[in-house]
């Protein structure tokens, strides 16, 4: 992996919304390569580092959605720095408003936006994911709170995640497993 990109990931981890866990990052790259994912969608792109890494690792196109203007600008700068700006479409705004307007079929969708919105995003993710493709939902165990007792201030967020996981795991169009690394990654393959 590109040393400069890894250095930027280390810097991002120190921020308010750090990059995904190293194990999650490695899993995404390995899975994308194994299944030959060519068209990627990332929801909650932050500085665009995961999309850029996927493009550097063989994906042909990536679309990234980021709501925060400063992060979106940094993602544009990073894409230019790594020479992938022509293959990265960065959509700036609220994913809940952008996703319903999107078309096309993606081989892999990485969902790493606001956890309380995962349920709202799911119908569009399902529609945009090709049969055989993968939906990867990050942070679904959230410090172990989803399977345990969350702090009082986090109960509503945890209930949203639990409801999302129940919906995802009961959808017969998907097979889903939960990977324990990072803060939990739901790996869902669309089987029909």
Protein backbone atom coordinates (compact mmCIF):
# COMPACT_ATOMS: atom_id res chain seq x y z
CA UNK A 1 0.00 0.00 0.00
CA UNK A 2 1.13 3.52 -0.76
CA UNK A 3 3.20 4.89 2.17
CA UNK A 4 1.84 8.43 1.75
CA UNK A 5 -1.74 7.15 1.92
CA UNK A 6 -1.00 5.15 5.06
CA UNK A 7 0.57 8.26 6.61
CA UNK A 8 -2.59 10.27 5.82
CA UNK A 9 -4.71 7.53 7.42
CA UNK A 10 -2.61 7.77 10.58
CA UNK A 11 -3.17 11.55 10.65
CA UNK A 12 -6.92 11.09 10.07
CA UNK A 13 -7.18 8.67 13.00
CA UNK A 14 -6.23 11.52 15.32
CA UNK A 15 -9.19 13.61 14.15
CA UNK A 16 -12.72 13.92 15.50
CA UNK A 17 -14.02 11.24 13.12
CA UNK A 18 -11.08 8.92 12.57
CA UNK A 19 -10.57 6.70 9.57
CA UNK A 20 -11.89 3.15 9.74
CA UNK A 21 -9.86 0.67 11.77
CA UNK A 22 -6.75 -0.79 10.13
CA UNK A 23 -8.26 -4.30 10.14
CA UNK A 24 -11.43 -2.99 8.51
CA UNK A 25 -9.39 -1.10 5.91
CA UNK A 26 -7.31 -4.19 5.10
CA UNK A 27 -10.44 -6.35 4.87
CA UNK A 28 -12.14 -3.93 2.44
CA UNK A 29 -9.10 -3.81 0.17
CA UNK A 30 -8.67 -7.60 0.22
CA UNK A 31 -12.35 -8.28 -0.44
CA UNK A 32 -12.51 -5.72 -3.27
CA UNK A 33 -9.49 -7.29 -4.92
CA UNK A 34 -10.77 -10.86 -4.40
CA UNK A 35 -14.15 -10.15 -6.00
CA UNK A 36 -12.78 -7.85 -8.70
CA UNK A 37 -14.85 -4.86 -7.55
CA UNK A 38 -14.62 -2.23 -10.28
CA UNK A 39 -17.32 0.26 -9.27
CA UNK A 40 -17.33 1.37 -5.61
CA UNK A 41 -19.65 3.57 -3.55
CA UNK A 42 -18.50 5.01 -0.23
CA UNK A 43 -21.02 6.72 2.04
CA UNK A 44 -19.32 8.91 4.63
CA UNK A 45 -16.09 9.45 2.72
CA UNK A 46 -14.40 11.92 5.12
CA UNK A 47 -11.09 12.73 3.41
CA UNK A 48 -11.63 10.12 0.68
CA UNK A 49 -8.78 7.86 1.73
CA UNK A 50 -10.67 4.56 1.49
CA UNK A 51 -12.02 5.36 -1.98
CA UNK A 52 -8.56 6.46 -3.10
CA UNK A 53 -6.99 3.26 -1.74
CA UNK A 54 -9.58 1.19 -3.61
CA UNK A 55 -8.81 3.06 -6.82
CA UNK A 56 -5.07 2.58 -6.33
CA UNK A 57 -5.70 -1.13 -5.69
CA UNK A 58 -7.53 -1.79 -8.95
CA UNK A 59 -11.07 -0.41 -8.84
CA UNK A 60 -11.93 1.49 -12.01
CA UNK A 61 -14.41 3.99 -10.55
CA UNK A 62 -15.47 5.22 -7.14
CA UNK A 63 -18.27 7.47 -6.02
CA UNK A 64 -17.95 9.01 -2.57
CA UNK A 65 -20.54 10.96 -0.59
CA UNK A 66 -19.44 13.41 2.09
CA UNK A 67 -21.62 15.95 3.89
CA UNK A 68 -18.94 18.06 5.58
CA UNK A 69 -17.63 20.70 3.11
CA UNK A 70 -14.13 20.85 4.64
CA UNK A 71 -13.74 17.08 4.47
CA UNK A 72 -15.10 16.99 0.92
CA UNK A 73 -12.55 19.61 -0.12
CA UNK A 74 -9.77 17.59 1.52
CA UNK A 75 -11.00 14.49 -0.35
CA UNK A 76 -10.74 16.41 -3.64
CA UNK A 77 -7.21 17.51 -2.76
CA UNK A 78 -6.22 13.97 -1.81
CA UNK A 79 -7.67 12.53 -5.03
CA UNK A 80 -5.64 15.04 -7.05
CA UNK A 81 -2.50 14.28 -5.02
CA UNK A 82 -2.82 10.57 -5.87
CA UNK A 83 -3.82 11.19 -9.49
CA UNK A 84 -7.23 9.50 -9.25
CA UNK A 85 -9.47 12.58 -9.49
CA UNK A 86 -10.77 11.58 -12.94
CA UNK A 87 -11.98 8.23 -11.55
CA UNK A 88 -13.49 9.57 -8.31
CA UNK A 89 -16.88 11.24 -8.30
CA UNK A 90 -17.28 13.17 -5.07
CA UNK A 91 -20.84 14.08 -4.16
CA UNK A 92 -21.04 16.71 -1.46
CA UNK A 93 -24.17 16.72 0.68
CA UNK A 94 -26.50 14.61 2.78
CA UNK A 95 -26.50 10.96 1.67
CA UNK A 96 -30.20 10.71 2.58
CA UNK A 97 -30.90 13.27 -0.16
CA UNK A 98 -28.28 12.10 -2.67
CA UNK A 99 -28.82 8.32 -2.63
CA UNK A 100 -32.45 8.37 -3.90
CA UNK A 101 -31.29 10.35 -6.95
CA UNK A 102 -28.51 7.96 -7.88
CA UNK A 103 -28.59 5.27 -10.52
CA UNK A 104 -26.18 2.61 -11.66
CA UNK A 105 -24.93 -0.59 -10.11
CA UNK A 106 -22.06 -0.89 -7.67
CA UNK A 107 -19.92 -3.93 -6.94
CA UNK A 108 -19.13 -2.81 -3.40
CA UNK A 109 -20.72 -0.25 -1.09
CA UNK A 110 -18.89 0.88 2.04
CA UNK A 111 -21.36 2.41 4.49
CA UNK A 112 -19.52 4.51 7.07
CA UNK A 113 -21.76 7.55 7.52
CA UNK A 114 -23.98 8.49 10.48
CA UNK A 115 -24.92 5.21 12.15
CA UNK A 116 -28.41 6.42 13.07
CA UNK A 117 -29.12 6.80 9.33
CA UNK A 118 -28.12 3.30 8.20
CA UNK A 119 -31.75 2.12 8.12
CA UNK A 120 -32.75 5.09 6.00
CA UNK A 121 -29.88 4.43 3.55
CA UNK A 122 -30.49 0.70 3.24
CA UNK A 123 -33.24 0.65 0.55
CA UNK A 124 -31.10 2.75 -1.78
CA UNK A 125 -27.97 0.73 -1.00
CA UNK A 126 -29.90 -2.42 -1.85
CA UNK A 127 -31.19 -0.91 -5.10
CA UNK A 128 -27.73 0.35 -6.13
CA UNK A 129 -25.86 -2.88 -5.30
CA UNK A 130 -25.56 -5.45 -8.07
CA UNK A 131 -26.49 -9.05 -7.37
CA UNK A 132 -23.35 -10.71 -6.04
CA UNK A 133 -22.03 -7.40 -4.73
CA UNK A 134 -21.14 -6.55 -1.13
CA UNK A 135 -22.53 -4.01 1.31
CA UNK A 136 -20.02 -3.36 4.11
CA UNK A 137 -21.53 -1.51 7.10
CA UNK A 138 -18.93 -0.17 9.52
CA UNK A 139 -19.08 0.31 13.30
CA UNK A 140 -22.08 -1.97 13.87
CA UNK A 141 -20.85 -3.19 17.26
CA UNK A 142 -19.85 0.29 18.49
CA UNK A 143 -17.51 -0.23 21.44
CA UNK A 144 -19.37 -3.46 22.29
CA UNK A 145 -22.48 -1.47 23.19
CA UNK A 146 -24.68 -3.08 20.53
CA UNK A 147 -24.34 -6.50 22.17
CA UNK A 148 -24.14 -5.14 25.71
CA UNK A 149 -25.36 -2.23 27.77
CA UNK A 150 -24.71 1.18 26.20
CA UNK A 151 -24.14 4.36 28.20
CA UNK A 152 -27.37 6.23 28.81
CA UNK A 153 -26.45 8.98 26.32
CA UNK A 154 -25.85 6.41 23.56
CA UNK A 155 -28.95 4.20 23.98
CA UNK A 156 -30.90 5.73 21.09
CA UNK A 157 -27.95 5.40 18.72
CA UNK A 158 -27.46 1.78 19.76
CA UNK A 159 -31.17 1.08 19.20
CA UNK A 160 -30.83 2.45 15.65
CA UNK A 161 -27.88 0.15 14.99
CA UNK A 162 -29.66 -2.86 16.49
CA UNK A 163 -32.72 -2.16 14.31
CA UNK A 164 -30.49 -1.83 11.23
CA UNK A 165 -28.76 -5.14 11.95
CA UNK A 166 -32.09 -6.89 12.50
CA UNK A 167 -33.37 -5.52 9.19
CA UNK A 168 -30.19 -6.48 7.36
CA UNK A 169 -29.99 -9.98 8.81
CA UNK A 170 -33.66 -10.71 8.09
CA UNK A 171 -33.48 -9.59 4.44
CA UNK A 172 -33.58 -12.79 2.37
CA UNK A 173 -31.85 -11.04 -0.54
CA UNK A 174 -28.64 -10.89 1.53
CA UNK A 175 -26.35 -13.16 3.48
CA UNK A 176 -24.78 -11.27 6.36
CA UNK A 177 -22.04 -11.98 8.86
CA UNK A 178 -20.60 -9.66 11.48
CA UNK A 179 -16.82 -9.38 11.63
CA UNK A 180 -15.53 -8.58 15.12
CA UNK A 181 -12.53 -6.41 14.20
CA UNK A 182 -12.52 -2.63 14.53
CA UNK A 183 -15.91 -1.58 15.89
CA UNK A 184 -17.64 -4.37 13.97
CA UNK A 185 -18.22 -4.70 10.25
CA UNK A 186 -21.40 -6.17 8.78
CA UNK A 187 -20.45 -7.99 5.58
CA UNK A 188 -23.55 -8.51 3.45
CA UNK A 189 -23.57 -10.12 0.04
CA UNK A 190 -26.58 -9.52 -2.17
CA UNK A 191 -27.56 -12.99 -3.38
CA UNK A 192 -30.61 -12.01 -5.47
